[in-house]
């Protein structure tokens, strides 16, 4: 693995993973790093580690959720993420979408799927757990929705997502977005600056 490869533990269900993904091109442009997106199931990571989503874990703490939303607005402004909107179906179910991502061929198909489905979740506010909605989004992006969603239901693709998730937990991940540069782990979108320092 290149010293400038960033492994990105990713799930569409994570708003912060979406924000990090949209901010990463700036970092890549400045550092020449390569990003390796690894599809994992956030719910599986939570179950394996005893973690909870922030909106659940902090629900009873006065002011904490309001502050989390403030930090999101600051991040969005700082990185010029103009298309973001909160998904009205939050918390979102990403299982089928994540399996579909695992079914993609590396390269262009994977990248197009990632971009289109992220937009569906966090820019268009769609109910992406609905197979018909997901299929429509993929077709709009010029992808073979029928093939990908058929593959998403195969044992091999389901096992790939499960194996990725277990491997991420074994590396120390407890949530998303998590990044690894070699053996160095960084959790959260706020760590992109630390990653850049390591890479420059």
Foldseek 3Di string as FASTA:
>chain_A
DDLQEKEWEDFLLDPQQLLLVLQVVVLCVVQVGHYHYQYADQVLLCVVPVHDDCCVVCVPPPPPVVVVVVVVVVSCVVRVVPQFDAQPPPSADGLLLSLLLLLFDPDPRNVLSVVQVSCCHTRVNHNCVPLVVSLVSCVVSVHPSVVSSVSSPDPVSVVSRVVSHVVCVVLPDRGPGWIDSDSDIDHTSVCSVVSSVSSD
